[in-house]
Amino acid sequence: MTENIISRNPMTGSILKEIPRAPTSELGEVFRRSARAQADWAKVPVKVRAKKLIQLREVLVRKADSLAETIHLENGKPEFEAYSCEILPALELLTFCASLAPRALKNKSISIRNPFLAYRKSYLNFWPLGTVAVIAPWNYPFFLAFGDIVMAVVAGNSVVFKPSEYTPWVGQRIQELFDEAGFPVDLVQTVQGDGSLGAAIIDHKPAKVFFTGSVRTGKAIMAQAAQYLIPVVLELGGKDAMVILPDSDLDYATSAALWGGFTNSGQVCASTERIIVHDSIADSFIEQLKEKIARVPADNWGAITMDKQKSVYDGQIRDAKDRGMTFYCGGEFNSDRTQLNPTLVGGHGIEETQIYQEETFGPVIAIAKYHTIPEAIQKANGTKYGLLASVIGRDVSLAESVARELQAGTVLVNEVAFSAGLPETPWGGLKDSGFGRKHSEIGMMEFVNVRHINRPRFSFLNMKSIWWFPYTPYQREAFRAWFQLYRASPIDRLKAIPHLLWNLLQLLKREPRI
């Protein structure tokens, strides 16, 4: 194993940077320092922690240009996509979390409906998990990692962060942002390495693991974490469907499909990988989409970041060709295999192919036709994934009714892919796309423990409860009368009240609790 991790430009193969690999033998000390930093940080009021996010936001704005260049060089996406799909969503998340955290993490009262327990009150109290692990992907190496770290620290946790070994330089830049913003030393610690380091991190028993990546790796992380009963949040793969309704504006629908399928060269868990289009407009839709693909400037297409991903494309394309599918365009690499040409594929039986059922994570869209709305819904739901879906149509009410039938964590009507960049909305999937939610107030709850506290409403009401020892006939009759308050008939409920009150009074007067 080399001492350094090599950062490479996926377009040229040239070395960008050599970054020291973190020895697994040092993880124990990393976690000890993290625990010390977290203990102090948890004592800092939430409002003060939130203000630190504004300082971090200021640093990010200043560094935006150089950071976008780093993302472009190391990940291969166009520089504009680094701005629009990584840095801008991060700025939005910082702004939202700075406002959200003081409100979301304050104690929340719980209403107790039973009138005989009105002398007590309950509330929820939120407290940090401790040291959490963030294991990040390479496709959006800045935003996906940064967002998890931001939510973790504002909730009072410390973070051990492992970037992808394919984008270590971006990971290093994230560490620099937190350092420059003045966060406590060791609160965020970046450790560089491959999958073996990720496994070693879990063996050091972080309070929780936040992983974004492949289904295969997610299952391995979950199995390993289960040995220690470590909770996990998994944001895994997708095979996201777009349903094109027969009333769709084809210009709008094809533009949505173009960006949804090919932004970041399709290396997006929320990428549109399947299009289910009504048979009455399918041919026109395909022709318009092909024409728009041809018009996209060459520098708008990103590079394929990981070489081994290319073998996935090769296998799925070969399977589709062997099954006699029609390639409307694409299906081959450029001359130096740094890019797969944007690919549209369809035909009778497309739903049975790997290219329709398995995540491609590249610039490939499988197109299926349908005749009825129930058929479209069945085809959209007919995979093991459930991260995101979209519905395109002029009749928004109809599109929304279809959206409510789709098995996905997020469904967009007349939009594609972008909602992971909305910090106010929860992000996550179901089925093989994982579980747990990020972003939003729901996502904030993933980064804290929730403690229920029940106490007397007033200190002078510190009474012994009527269900304590000793058990007596008055106690028994009081509870039997209490049961009648759940009767459907209002008259039956009213009849029970005198009996209940009389027995409670006798119980309190004559038979004090032990």
Protein backbone atom coordinates (compact mmCIF):
# COMPACT_ATOMS: atom_id res chain seq x y z
CA MET A 1 0.00 0.00 0.00
CA THR A 2 1.40 3.38 -0.97
CA GLU A 3 1.98 6.00 1.70
CA ASN A 4 0.02 8.59 -0.25
CA ILE A 5 -3.34 8.74 -1.97
CA ILE A 6 -3.02 10.02 -5.50
CA SER A 7 -5.46 12.65 -6.71
CA ARG A 8 -5.84 12.46 -10.50
CA ASN A 9 -7.57 14.44 -13.18
CA PRO A 10 -10.05 11.97 -14.75
CA MET A 11 -9.91 13.78 -18.10
CA THR A 12 -6.13 13.58 -18.50
CA GLY A 13 -4.98 11.01 -15.95
CA SER A 14 -2.38 13.49 -14.68
CA ILE A 15 -1.51 13.63 -10.99
CA LEU A 16 -3.01 16.65 -9.25
CA LYS A 17 -1.82 16.06 -5.72
CA GLU A 18 -0.42 13.43 -3.37
CA ILE A 19 -2.15 13.33 0.00
CA PRO A 20 -0.89 11.39 3.03
CA ARG A 21 -2.84 8.26 3.81
CA ALA A 22 -4.07 7.93 7.40
CA PRO A 23 -2.68 4.79 9.06
CA THR A 24 -5.38 2.73 10.72
CA SER A 25 -3.09 2.51 13.77
CA GLU A 26 -3.70 6.23 14.39
CA LEU A 27 -7.48 6.03 14.44
CA GLY A 28 -7.61 5.38 18.17
CA GLU A 29 -5.92 8.70 18.85
CA VAL A 30 -8.12 10.41 16.25
CA PHE A 31 -11.23 9.24 18.10
CA ARG A 32 -9.82 10.19 21.51
CA ARG A 33 -9.12 13.74 20.31
CA SER A 34 -12.54 13.85 18.71
CA ALA A 35 -14.25 12.83 21.95
CA ARG A 36 -12.43 15.55 23.89
CA ALA A 37 -13.35 18.20 21.34
CA GLN A 38 -16.96 17.06 21.27
CA ALA A 39 -17.33 17.17 25.05
CA ASP A 40 -16.42 20.87 25.04
CA TRP A 41 -18.37 21.68 21.89
CA ALA A 42 -21.58 20.14 23.25
CA LYS A 43 -21.50 22.71 26.08
CA VAL A 44 -21.58 25.58 23.57
CA PRO A 45 -25.14 26.96 23.22
CA VAL A 46 -26.89 26.02 20.00
CA LYS A 47 -27.23 29.69 19.02
CA VAL A 48 -23.46 30.12 19.23
CA ARG A 49 -22.86 26.97 17.20
CA ALA A 50 -25.31 28.29 14.59
CA LYS A 51 -23.39 31.57 14.35
CA LYS A 52 -20.26 29.60 13.52
CA LEU A 53 -22.04 28.37 10.40
CA ILE A 54 -22.37 31.95 9.22
CA GLN A 55 -18.61 32.37 9.65
CA LEU A 56 -18.12 29.16 7.68
CA ARG A 57 -20.44 30.48 4.98
CA GLU A 58 -18.31 33.61 4.68
CA VAL A 59 -15.17 31.52 4.20
CA LEU A 60 -16.91 29.36 1.60
CA VAL A 61 -17.99 32.39 -0.42
CA ARG A 62 -14.42 33.69 -0.43
CA LYS A 63 -13.04 30.33 -1.50
CA ALA A 64 -15.78 29.49 -4.02
CA ASP A 65 -13.72 30.04 -7.17
CA SER A 66 -10.70 28.00 -6.11
CA LEU A 67 -12.94 25.29 -4.67
CA ALA A 68 -14.93 25.04 -7.91
CA GLU A 69 -11.68 24.62 -9.79
CA THR A 70 -10.58 21.82 -7.44
CA ILE A 71 -13.92 20.03 -7.87
CA HIS A 72 -13.72 20.40 -11.65
CA LEU A 73 -10.15 19.13 -11.86
CA GLU A 74 -10.50 16.18 -9.51
CA ASN A 75 -14.10 15.07 -10.07
CA GLY A 76 -14.32 15.94 -13.77
CA LYS A 77 -17.67 17.74 -13.72
CA PRO A 78 -17.90 21.06 -15.59
CA GLU A 79 -16.87 24.02 -13.45
CA PHE A 80 -20.35 25.50 -13.74
CA GLU A 81 -21.84 22.35 -12.18
CA ALA A 82 -19.39 22.73 -9.31
CA TYR A 83 -20.87 26.18 -8.72
CA SER A 84 -24.52 25.31 -9.28
CA CYS A 85 -24.76 21.78 -7.88
CA GLU A 86 -22.15 21.77 -5.11
CA ILE A 87 -21.26 25.22 -3.78
CA LEU A 88 -24.63 26.97 -4.05
CA PRO A 89 -26.53 24.13 -2.30
CA ALA A 90 -23.86 24.19 0.43
CA LEU A 91 -24.39 27.91 0.97
CA GLU A 92 -28.14 27.34 1.13
CA LEU A 93 -27.68 24.53 3.65
CA LEU A 94 -25.45 26.66 5.88
CA THR A 95 -28.00 29.48 5.84
CA PHE A 96 -30.90 27.15 6.56
CA CYS A 97 -29.17 25.19 9.34
CA ALA A 98 -28.04 28.37 11.10
CA SER A 99 -31.70 29.36 11.30
CA LEU A 100 -33.09 25.87 11.90
CA ALA A 101 -30.86 24.53 14.67
CA PRO A 102 -31.84 26.88 17.54
CA ARG A 103 -35.50 26.25 16.82
CA ALA A 104 -35.34 22.53 16.05
CA LEU A 105 -33.10 21.58 18.97
CA LYS A 106 -34.90 23.41 21.77
CA ASN A 107 -37.09 21.42 24.13
CA LYS A 108 -40.51 20.53 22.68
CA SER A 109 -43.57 20.09 24.88
CA ILE A 110 -45.73 17.00 24.54
CA SER A 111 -49.42 17.30 25.23
CA ILE A 112 -50.77 14.57 27.53
CA ARG A 113 -54.46 14.10 26.78
CA ASN A 114 -55.45 12.15 29.92
CA PRO A 115 -57.04 14.70 32.34
CA PHE A 116 -56.11 12.61 35.39
CA LEU A 117 -52.44 13.10 34.53
CA ALA A 118 -52.72 16.86 34.03
CA TYR A 119 -50.58 17.44 37.12
CA ARG A 120 -47.58 16.14 35.14
CA LYS A 121 -45.97 17.36 31.92
CA SER A 122 -43.66 15.87 29.29
CA TYR A 123 -41.19 17.29 26.82
CA LEU A 124 -38.55 16.17 24.36
CA ASN A 125 -34.94 17.07 25.03
CA PHE A 126 -32.33 16.81 22.26
CA TRP A 127 -28.67 16.11 22.88
CA PRO A 128 -25.70 15.28 20.61
CA LEU A 129 -24.82 11.78 19.55
CA GLY A 130 -21.08 12.22 20.22
CA THR A 131 -18.49 11.46 17.57
CA VAL A 132 -20.05 10.50 14.24
CA ALA A 133 -18.44 9.11 11.09
CA VAL A 134 -19.12 10.64 7.68
CA ILE A 135 -18.04 8.39 4.80
CA ALA A 136 -18.52 10.34 1.61
CA PRO A 137 -18.83 9.58 -2.12
CA TRP A 138 -16.88 10.84 -5.13
CA ASN A 139 -19.71 11.99 -7.42
CA TYR A 140 -20.59 15.12 -5.42
CA PRO A 141 -17.47 15.12 -3.28
CA PHE A 142 -18.02 18.54 -1.77
CA PHE A 143 -21.72 19.06 -1.14
CA LEU A 144 -22.70 15.58 0.04
CA ALA A 145 -19.88 15.39 2.58
CA PHE A 146 -20.06 19.03 3.61
CA GLY A 147 -23.80 18.88 4.27
CA ASP A 148 -23.50 15.92 6.64
CA ILE A 149 -20.60 17.53 8.51
CA VAL A 150 -22.44 20.85 8.86
CA MET A 151 -25.55 19.24 10.32
CA ALA A 152 -23.46 17.08 12.62
CA VAL A 153 -21.47 19.94 14.15
CA VAL A 154 -24.37 22.37 14.57
CA ALA A 155 -26.16 19.59 16.47
CA GLY A 156 -23.17 19.40 18.85
CA ASN A 157 -21.26 16.41 17.48
CA SER A 158 -17.68 15.96 16.39
CA VAL A 159 -16.91 14.30 13.05
CA VAL A 160 -14.39 11.82 11.72
CA PHE A 161 -14.62 12.35 7.99
CA LYS A 162 -13.37 9.99 5.30
CA PRO A 163 -13.58 11.36 1.76
CA SER A 164 -13.62 9.05 -1.21
CA GLU A 165 -10.14 7.93 -2.24
CA TYR A 166 -11.07 9.16 -5.72
CA THR A 167 -11.58 12.75 -4.55
CA PRO A 168 -9.17 13.22 -1.63
CA TRP A 169 -8.21 16.77 -2.56
CA VAL A 170 -11.80 17.98 -2.27
CA GLY A 171 -11.93 16.29 1.13
CA GLN A 172 -8.81 18.15 2.16
CA ARG A 173 -10.37 21.42 1.04
CA ILE A 174 -13.40 20.75 3.26
CA GLN A 175 -11.11 20.37 6.26
CA GLU A 176 -9.41 23.64 5.40
CA LEU A 177 -12.76 25.47 5.34
CA PHE A 178 -13.64 24.38 8.88
CA ASP A 179 -10.15 25.22 10.11
CA GLU A 180 -10.20 28.69 8.55
CA ALA A 181 -13.67 29.38 9.94
CA GLY A 182 -12.29 28.87 13.45
CA PHE A 183 -14.04 25.70 14.52
CA PRO A 184 -12.41 24.01 17.53
CA VAL A 185 -9.33 21.93 16.84
CA ASP A 186 -10.17 18.24 16.31
CA LEU A 187 -13.91 18.87 16.05
CA VAL A 188 -13.72 17.88 12.37
CA GLN A 189 -10.91 15.50 11.47
CA THR A 190 -10.35 14.28 7.92
CA VAL A 191 -8.72 10.89 7.46
CA GLN A 192 -7.70 9.80 3.98
CA GLY A 193 -7.86 6.22 2.80
CA ASP A 194 -9.76 3.55 0.92
CA GLY A 195 -12.47 1.13 1.98
CA SER A 196 -10.24 -0.60 4.52
CA LEU A 197 -9.95 2.68 6.43
CA GLY A 198 -13.72 3.06 6.36
CA ALA A 199 -14.07 -0.40 7.91
CA ALA A 200 -11.48 0.47 10.57
CA ILE A 201 -13.42 3.63 11.43
CA ILE A 202 -16.52 1.56 12.19
CA ASP A 203 -14.47 -0.74 14.41
CA HIS A 204 -13.72 2.32 16.57
CA LYS A 205 -17.45 2.55 17.32
CA PRO A 206 -18.58 6.02 16.28
CA ALA A 207 -21.94 7.05 17.68
CA LYS A 208 -23.47 6.87 14.19
CA VAL A 209 -22.36 6.34 10.59
CA PHE A 210 -23.53 8.53 7.73
CA PHE A 211 -22.70 6.87 4.44
CA THR A 212 -23.44 7.91 0.88
CA GLY A 213 -22.46 5.49 -1.86
CA SER A 214 -23.21 2.17 -3.49
CA VAL A 215 -25.71 -0.44 -2.34
CA ARG A 216 -22.96 -3.05 -2.06
CA THR A 217 -20.81 -0.91 0.23
CA GLY A 218 -23.85 0.26 2.18
CA LYS A 219 -24.80 -3.32 2.98
CA ALA A 220 -21.25 -4.07 4.13
CA ILE A 221 -21.24 -1.00 6.39
CA MET A 222 -24.62 -1.92 7.83
CA ALA A 223 -23.50 -5.49 8.55
CA GLN A 224 -20.32 -4.33 10.26
CA ALA A 225 -22.11 -1.60 12.24
CA ALA A 226 -24.70 -4.14 13.39
CA GLN A 227 -21.99 -6.00 15.32
CA TYR A 228 -21.72 -2.97 17.61
CA LEU A 229 -25.37 -1.83 17.34
CA ILE A 230 -24.18 1.38 15.68
CA PRO A 231 -27.04 3.17 13.91
CA VAL A 232 -26.52 4.12 10.29
CA VAL A 233 -28.01 6.50 7.75
CA LEU A 234 -27.56 5.13 4.24
CA GLU A 235 -28.09 7.16 1.09
CA LEU A 236 -27.47 4.59 -1.61
CA GLY A 237 -28.21 4.08 -5.27
CA GLY A 238 -31.09 4.98 -7.49
CA LYS A 239 -32.71 4.01 -10.76
CA ASP A 240 -34.88 7.07 -10.93
CA ALA A 241 -37.87 7.11 -13.22
CA MET A 242 -39.42 9.99 -15.15
CA VAL A 243 -43.03 9.46 -16.20
CA ILE A 244 -43.97 11.54 -19.26
CA LEU A 245 -47.74 12.05 -19.40
CA PRO A 246 -49.49 12.20 -22.80
CA ASP A 247 -50.35 15.90 -22.44
CA SER A 248 -46.73 16.91 -21.89
CA ASP A 249 -45.10 19.84 -23.63
CA LEU A 250 -42.40 17.93 -25.53
CA ASP A 251 -39.98 20.84 -25.57
CA TYR A 252 -40.19 21.09 -21.78
CA ALA A 253 -40.15 17.32 -21.24
CA THR A 254 -37.10 16.73 -23.43
CA SER A 255 -35.18 19.58 -21.79
CA ALA A 256 -35.97 18.13 -18.35
CA ALA A 257 -34.84 14.68 -19.47
CA LEU A 258 -31.68 16.09 -21.03
CA TRP A 259 -30.46 17.71 -17.82
CA GLY A 260 -31.91 15.09 -15.49
CA GLY A 261 -30.16 12.27 -17.32
CA PHE A 262 -26.85 13.82 -18.23
CA THR A 263 -25.82 16.38 -15.61
CA ASN A 264 -22.50 15.29 -14.07
CA SER A 265 -22.40 12.70 -16.87
CA GLY A 266 -25.23 10.86 -15.16
CA GLN A 267 -23.05 10.17 -12.11
CA VAL A 268 -25.88 11.18 -9.80
CA CYS A 269 -27.94 9.00 -7.48
CA ALA A 270 -30.90 11.23 -8.46
CA SER A 271 -30.15 11.01 -12.17
CA THR A 272 -33.01 10.22 -14.56
CA GLU A 273 -31.98 6.71 -15.63
CA ARG A 274 -35.41 5.53 -16.82
CA ILE A 275 -38.00 7.37 -18.88
CA ILE A 276 -41.52 5.97 -19.14
CA VAL A 277 -43.27 7.82 -21.94
CA HIS A 278 -46.78 7.50 -23.32
CA ASP A 279 -46.80 5.57 -26.61
CA SER A 280 -48.71 8.33 -28.40
CA ILE A 281 -45.79 10.76 -28.05
CA ALA A 282 -42.84 8.39 -27.59
CA ASP A 283 -41.36 8.63 -31.10
CA SER A 284 -41.55 12.44 -31.18
CA PHE A 285 -40.09 12.61 -27.66
CA ILE A 286 -37.12 10.41 -28.60
CA GLU A 287 -36.39 12.38 -31.76
CA GLN A 288 -36.49 15.73 -29.96
CA LEU A 289 -34.29 14.46 -27.14
CA LYS A 290 -31.74 13.09 -29.63
CA GLU A 291 -31.66 16.43 -31.40
CA LYS A 292 -31.07 18.31 -28.14
CA ILE A 293 -28.27 15.93 -27.12
CA ALA A 294 -26.51 16.76 -30.38
CA ARG A 295 -26.79 20.49 -29.64
CA VAL A 296 -25.15 20.43 -26.20
CA PRO A 297 -21.65 22.00 -26.34
CA ALA A 298 -18.88 19.46 -25.81
CA ASP A 299 -17.52 21.22 -22.71
CA ASN A 300 -20.90 20.77 -20.96
CA TRP A 301 -20.31 17.03 -20.66
CA GLY A 302 -18.30 15.90 -17.66
CA ALA A 303 -15.75 13.13 -17.42
CA ILE A 304 -16.25 9.64 -16.02
CA THR A 305 -14.59 9.96 -12.63
CA MET A 306 -13.91 6.26 -11.87
CA ASP A 307 -12.33 3.88 -14.36
CA LYS A 308 -14.03 0.85 -12.83
CA GLN A 309 -17.43 2.42 -13.47
CA LYS A 310 -16.75 2.05 -17.18
CA SER A 311 -16.93 -1.74 -16.88
CA VAL A 312 -20.48 -1.32 -15.50
CA TYR A 313 -21.40 0.63 -18.63
CA ASP A 314 -19.76 -1.99 -20.87
CA GLY A 315 -21.67 -4.82 -19.21
CA GLN A 316 -25.06 -3.15 -19.30
CA ILE A 317 -24.65 -2.01 -22.91
CA ARG A 318 -23.56 -5.48 -23.99
CA ASP A 319 -26.57 -7.05 -22.23
CA ALA A 320 -28.94 -4.60 -23.96
CA LYS A 321 -27.39 -5.27 -27.37
CA ASP A 322 -27.53 -9.04 -26.83
CA ARG A 323 -31.27 -8.70 -26.09
CA GLY A 324 -31.84 -6.78 -29.31
CA MET A 325 -32.52 -3.37 -27.82
CA THR A 326 -32.45 -0.25 -30.00
CA PHE A 327 -29.76 2.35 -29.31
CA TYR A 328 -31.25 5.62 -30.47
CA CYS A 329 -27.91 7.34 -29.83
CA GLY A 330 -24.69 6.71 -27.93
CA GLY A 331 -23.69 3.35 -26.59
CA GLU A 332 -19.97 3.92 -27.11
CA PHE A 333 -17.08 5.78 -25.49
CA ASN A 334 -15.12 8.64 -26.96
CA SER A 335 -11.65 7.91 -28.35
CA ASP A 336 -9.77 8.03 -25.03
CA ARG A 337 -12.62 6.46 -22.96
CA THR A 338 -12.81 9.46 -20.63
CA GLN A 339 -16.48 9.92 -21.54
CA LEU A 340 -19.38 7.71 -22.51
CA ASN A 341 -21.38 9.37 -25.24
CA PRO A 342 -24.91 10.25 -24.03
CA THR A 343 -26.97 7.13 -24.61
CA LEU A 344 -30.66 6.51 -25.21
CA VAL A 345 -31.79 2.89 -25.43
CA GLY A 346 -35.19 1.23 -25.66
CA GLY A 347 -37.22 -1.44 -27.36
CA HIS A 348 -39.61 -4.27 -26.63
CA GLY A 349 -38.54 -5.98 -23.41
CA ILE A 350 -36.37 -3.08 -22.16
CA GLU A 351 -37.84 -3.60 -18.68
CA GLU A 352 -36.05 -6.97 -18.45
CA THR A 353 -32.57 -5.62 -19.20
CA GLN A 354 -29.80 -4.72 -16.77
CA ILE A 355 -29.78 -1.21 -18.18
CA TYR A 356 -33.37 -0.73 -16.96
CA GLN A 357 -33.17 -2.62 -13.66
CA GLU A 358 -29.65 -1.96 -12.34
CA GLU A 359 -28.11 1.38 -11.44
CA THR A 360 -25.90 2.62 -14.28
CA PHE A 361 -24.55 5.79 -12.66
CA GLY A 362 -23.62 7.19 -16.02
CA PRO A 363 -24.98 9.06 -19.05
CA VAL A 364 -27.48 6.39 -20.06
CA ILE A 365 -31.29 6.57 -20.17
CA ALA A 366 -33.47 3.52 -20.74
CA ILE A 367 -36.78 4.40 -22.40
CA ALA A 368 -39.95 2.37 -21.95
CA LYS A 369 -43.39 3.05 -23.43
CA TYR A 370 -46.79 2.74 -21.75
CA HIS A 371 -50.41 2.96 -22.76
CA THR A 372 -52.31 3.51 -19.48
CA ILE A 373 -51.50 5.45 -16.31
CA PRO A 374 -51.61 2.32 -14.10
CA GLU A 375 -49.14 0.68 -16.50
CA ALA A 376 -46.81 3.69 -16.20
CA ILE A 377 -46.95 3.54 -12.40
CA GLN A 378 -46.25 -0.20 -12.42
CA LYS A 379 -43.23 0.29 -14.68
CA ALA A 380 -41.90 3.17 -12.60
CA ASN A 381 -42.16 1.15 -9.39
CA GLY A 382 -40.78 -1.99 -10.97
CA THR A 383 -37.22 -1.82 -9.61
CA LYS A 384 -35.56 -2.44 -6.27
CA TYR A 385 -34.69 1.25 -5.89
CA GLY A 386 -36.74 4.11 -4.46
CA LEU A 387 -34.78 7.33 -4.18
CA LEU A 388 -36.33 9.88 -6.54
CA ALA A 389 -38.85 10.00 -9.37
CA SER A 390 -40.39 12.72 -11.49
CA VAL A 391 -43.61 13.24 -13.40
CA ILE A 392 -43.91 15.60 -16.36
CA GLY A 393 -47.26 16.86 -17.65
CA ARG A 394 -49.34 19.97 -18.33
CA ASP A 395 -52.14 18.85 -16.01
CA VAL A 396 -50.41 19.35 -12.67
CA SER A 397 -53.27 17.77 -10.71
CA LEU A 398 -53.00 14.59 -12.77
CA ALA A 399 -49.22 14.61 -12.46
CA GLU A 400 -49.49 15.01 -8.70
CA SER A 401 -51.94 12.11 -8.46
CA VAL A 402 -49.41 9.94 -10.29
CA ALA A 403 -46.64 11.23 -8.02
CA ARG A 404 -48.51 9.98 -4.96
CA GLU A 405 -48.43 6.45 -6.40
CA LEU A 406 -44.66 6.30 -6.96
CA GLN A 407 -42.44 4.46 -4.50
CA ALA A 408 -39.70 7.00 -3.85
CA GLY A 409 -38.42 9.23 -1.06
CA THR A 410 -38.95 12.30 -3.26
CA VAL A 411 -41.18 12.79 -6.29
CA LEU A 412 -40.85 15.95 -8.39
CA VAL A 413 -43.62 17.28 -10.59
CA ASN A 414 -42.26 19.09 -13.65
CA GLU A 415 -38.71 19.12 -12.29
CA VAL A 416 -35.78 16.71 -12.14
CA ALA A 417 -32.95 15.70 -9.81
CA PHE A 418 -32.43 19.01 -8.03
CA SER A 419 -34.25 18.52 -4.71
CA ALA A 420 -31.22 17.24 -2.80
CA GLY A 421 -30.14 20.87 -3.02
CA LEU A 422 -33.22 22.09 -1.13
CA PRO A 423 -32.13 22.14 2.53
CA GLU A 424 -35.69 22.68 3.77
CA THR A 425 -36.84 19.32 2.36
CA PRO A 426 -35.88 15.82 3.56
CA TRP A 427 -33.62 13.78 1.33
CA GLY A 428 -33.37 9.99 1.33
CA GLY A 429 -34.83 6.84 -0.14
CA LEU A 430 -36.43 3.49 0.49
CA LYS A 431 -35.97 -0.08 -0.64
CA ASP A 432 -32.36 -0.55 -1.88
CA SER A 433 -31.88 3.21 -2.00
CA GLY A 434 -31.31 3.17 1.75
CA PHE A 435 -33.03 4.70 4.74
CA GLY A 436 -32.86 7.70 7.03
CA ARG A 437 -33.24 11.29 5.96
CA LYS A 438 -30.86 14.20 5.54
CA HIS A 439 -31.55 17.94 5.41
CA SER A 440 -34.73 19.57 6.80
CA GLU A 441 -35.87 19.40 10.41
CA ILE A 442 -36.51 15.68 9.94
CA GLY A 443 -32.89 15.24 8.87
CA MET A 444 -31.63 17.24 11.85
CA MET A 445 -33.16 14.62 14.12
CA GLU A 446 -30.75 12.03 12.67
CA PHE A 447 -27.88 13.92 14.32
CA VAL A 448 -29.20 13.98 17.89
CA ASN A 449 -30.43 11.68 20.61
CA VAL A 450 -34.02 12.30 21.68
CA ARG A 451 -34.76 12.13 25.39
CA HIS A 452 -38.28 12.22 26.82
CA ILE A 453 -38.54 13.89 30.23
CA ASN A 454 -41.69 13.69 32.34
CA ARG A 455 -41.99 15.75 35.53
CA PRO A 456 -44.55 17.23 37.93
CA ARG A 457 -46.11 20.35 36.48
CA PHE A 458 -45.44 22.13 39.78
CA SER A 459 -43.06 21.12 42.57
CA PHE A 460 -45.84 21.02 45.20
CA LEU A 461 -47.69 18.39 43.10
CA ASN A 462 -45.20 15.64 43.87
CA MET A 463 -47.91 13.06 44.58
CA LYS A 464 -47.61 9.29 44.74
CA SER A 465 -49.36 7.74 41.77
CA ILE A 466 -52.65 5.90 42.19
CA TRP A 467 -51.28 2.75 40.53
CA TRP A 468 -48.52 2.30 43.11
CA PHE A 469 -48.69 -0.27 45.95
CA PRO A 470 -50.76 -1.34 47.79
CA TYR A 471 -53.40 -2.72 45.41
CA THR A 472 -56.88 -2.30 46.94
CA PRO A 473 -60.57 -2.66 46.02
CA TYR A 474 -60.97 1.13 45.69
CA GLN A 475 -58.04 1.18 43.31
CA ARG A 476 -59.51 -1.67 41.31
CA GLU A 477 -62.91 0.01 41.02
CA ALA A 478 -61.36 3.33 40.06
CA PHE A 479 -59.57 1.71 37.16
CA ARG A 480 -62.66 -0.20 36.07
CA ALA A 481 -64.59 3.06 35.96
CA TRP A 482 -61.71 4.68 34.10
CA PHE A 483 -62.08 2.07 31.36
CA GLN A 484 -65.64 3.26 30.74
CA LEU A 485 -64.33 6.64 29.61
CA TYR A 486 -63.25 4.92 26.40
CA ARG A 487 -66.80 3.84 25.52
CA ALA A 488 -68.22 5.07 22.22
CA SER A 489 -71.42 6.35 23.78
CA PRO A 490 -71.19 9.81 25.46
CA ILE A 491 -73.93 8.74 27.90
CA ASP A 492 -71.93 5.69 29.01
CA ARG A 493 -68.89 7.90 29.51
CA LEU A 494 -70.83 10.38 31.63
CA LYS A 495 -72.29 7.60 33.78
CA ALA A 496 -68.79 6.39 34.64
CA ILE A 497 -67.51 9.71 35.97
CA PRO A 498 -69.23 9.74 39.41
CA HIS A 499 -68.11 6.16 40.10
CA LEU A 500 -64.55 7.01 39.10
CA LEU A 501 -64.39 10.18 41.19
CA TRP A 502 -65.89 8.52 44.29
CA ASN A 503 -63.38 5.66 44.22
CA LEU A 504 -60.47 8.05 43.60
CA LEU A 505 -61.54 10.11 46.59
CA GLN A 506 -61.75 7.04 48.82
CA LEU A 507 -58.39 5.91 47.59
CA LEU A 508 -56.75 9.25 48.40
CA LYS A 509 -58.49 9.61 51.80
CA ARG A 510 -58.23 6.12 53.22
CA GLU A 511 -55.41 4.24 51.56
CA PRO A 512 -52.25 6.26 51.03
CA ARG A 513 -49.59 4.79 48.76
CA ILE A 514 -46.67 2.99 50.33
